[in-house]
Protein backbone atom coordinates (compact mmCIF):
# COMPACT_ATOMS: atom_id res chain seq x y z
CA MET A 1 5.38 -156.70 58.29
CA LYS A 2 2.58 -154.21 58.03
CA PHE A 3 3.02 -150.82 56.47
CA LEU A 4 0.83 -147.73 56.20
CA VAL A 5 1.28 -145.98 52.88
CA THR A 6 -0.08 -142.50 52.21
CA PHE A 7 -0.68 -141.68 48.57
CA GLU A 8 -1.29 -138.44 46.73
CA TYR A 9 -3.55 -138.89 43.72
CA LYS A 10 -3.86 -136.33 40.93
CA SER A 11 -5.95 -135.97 37.81
CA TYR A 12 -5.10 -133.80 34.84
CA TYR A 13 -7.88 -132.41 32.66
CA GLU A 14 -7.73 -130.36 29.49
CA ASP A 15 -9.25 -127.56 31.56
CA GLU A 16 -6.82 -127.33 34.47
CA SER A 17 -9.48 -125.83 36.74
CA GLU A 18 -11.15 -129.28 36.73
CA ASN A 19 -8.07 -131.09 38.06
CA LYS A 20 -8.38 -132.86 41.41
CA VAL A 21 -5.89 -133.82 44.12
CA ALA A 22 -6.61 -136.22 46.99
CA LYS A 23 -4.72 -138.13 49.67
CA ASN A 24 -5.49 -141.59 51.00
CA THR A 25 -3.73 -143.99 53.38
CA LEU A 26 -3.82 -147.77 52.86
CA GLU A 27 -2.40 -150.70 54.80
CA TYR A 28 -0.10 -153.23 53.11
CA GLU A 29 1.68 -156.41 54.16
CA ALA A 30 5.11 -157.29 52.83
CA ASP A 31 8.17 -159.20 54.04
CA ASN A 32 10.30 -156.05 53.96
CA TYR A 33 10.55 -152.49 52.62
CA ASP A 34 11.98 -153.54 49.24
CA GLU A 35 9.13 -155.99 48.68
CA LEU A 36 6.65 -153.27 49.60
CA LEU A 37 8.13 -150.93 46.99
CA LYS A 38 7.86 -153.67 44.37
CA ILE A 39 4.20 -154.24 45.28
CA LEU A 40 3.46 -150.52 45.06
CA ASP A 41 5.21 -150.12 41.71
CA GLU A 42 3.38 -153.08 40.15
CA GLU A 43 -0.05 -152.46 41.67
CA ASP A 44 -2.96 -151.33 39.52
CA TYR A 45 -4.86 -148.72 41.51
CA ASP A 46 -8.35 -147.25 41.50
CA ASP A 47 -8.14 -143.63 40.37
CA GLU A 48 -11.81 -142.85 41.00
CA ILE A 49 -10.80 -140.76 44.02
CA VAL A 50 -9.64 -138.00 41.63
CA ILE A 51 -12.08 -138.40 38.76
CA ASN A 52 -14.07 -135.20 38.35
CA PHE A 53 -17.46 -136.51 37.27
CA ASN A 54 -18.66 -132.94 36.70
CA ALA A 55 -15.79 -132.05 34.35
CA LYS A 56 -16.68 -130.79 30.92
CA SER A 57 -13.20 -131.38 29.46
CA ASN A 58 -11.43 -134.70 28.93
CA CYS A 59 -9.16 -136.28 31.51
CA ASP A 60 -5.67 -136.58 30.04
CA ALA A 61 -4.12 -138.61 32.86
CA THR A 62 -4.21 -139.64 36.50
CA GLU A 63 -1.29 -140.48 38.76
CA ARG A 64 -0.57 -141.81 42.21
CA ASP A 65 2.60 -141.19 44.21
CA TYR A 66 3.43 -142.61 47.61
CA ILE A 67 4.36 -139.71 49.85
CA LYS A 68 4.69 -141.39 53.25
CA ILE A 69 5.46 -144.92 54.39
CA VAL A 70 5.30 -145.96 58.05
CA ASP A 71 6.17 -149.44 59.34
CA GLU A 72 4.34 -151.43 62.02
CA ASP A 73 6.60 -149.94 64.70
CA ASN A 74 5.40 -146.46 63.66
CA LYS A 75 8.81 -145.65 62.18
CA VAL A 76 8.63 -143.26 59.21
CA LEU A 77 10.56 -144.89 56.35
CA LEU A 78 9.76 -142.32 53.67
CA GLU A 79 8.18 -138.88 53.75
CA ASP A 80 7.95 -136.33 50.96
CA ASN A 81 7.00 -132.84 52.03
């Protein structure tokens, strides 16, 4: 099955004004929803989307949360508002 997964990425800098937030949607293939969740939880992701290259303070952390999952039949399986 194919799934579309929308992520929200965040970066946390010492100077909070330099933090960034971004959203991105990626396509995944998995046998079922449970397998998809396992893939997402184990996947190493590229956090460059929220790196603030102009920041003067240090980046303490980045994170990625899946906020929407849609299956190949366009059925919404998960949605955080």
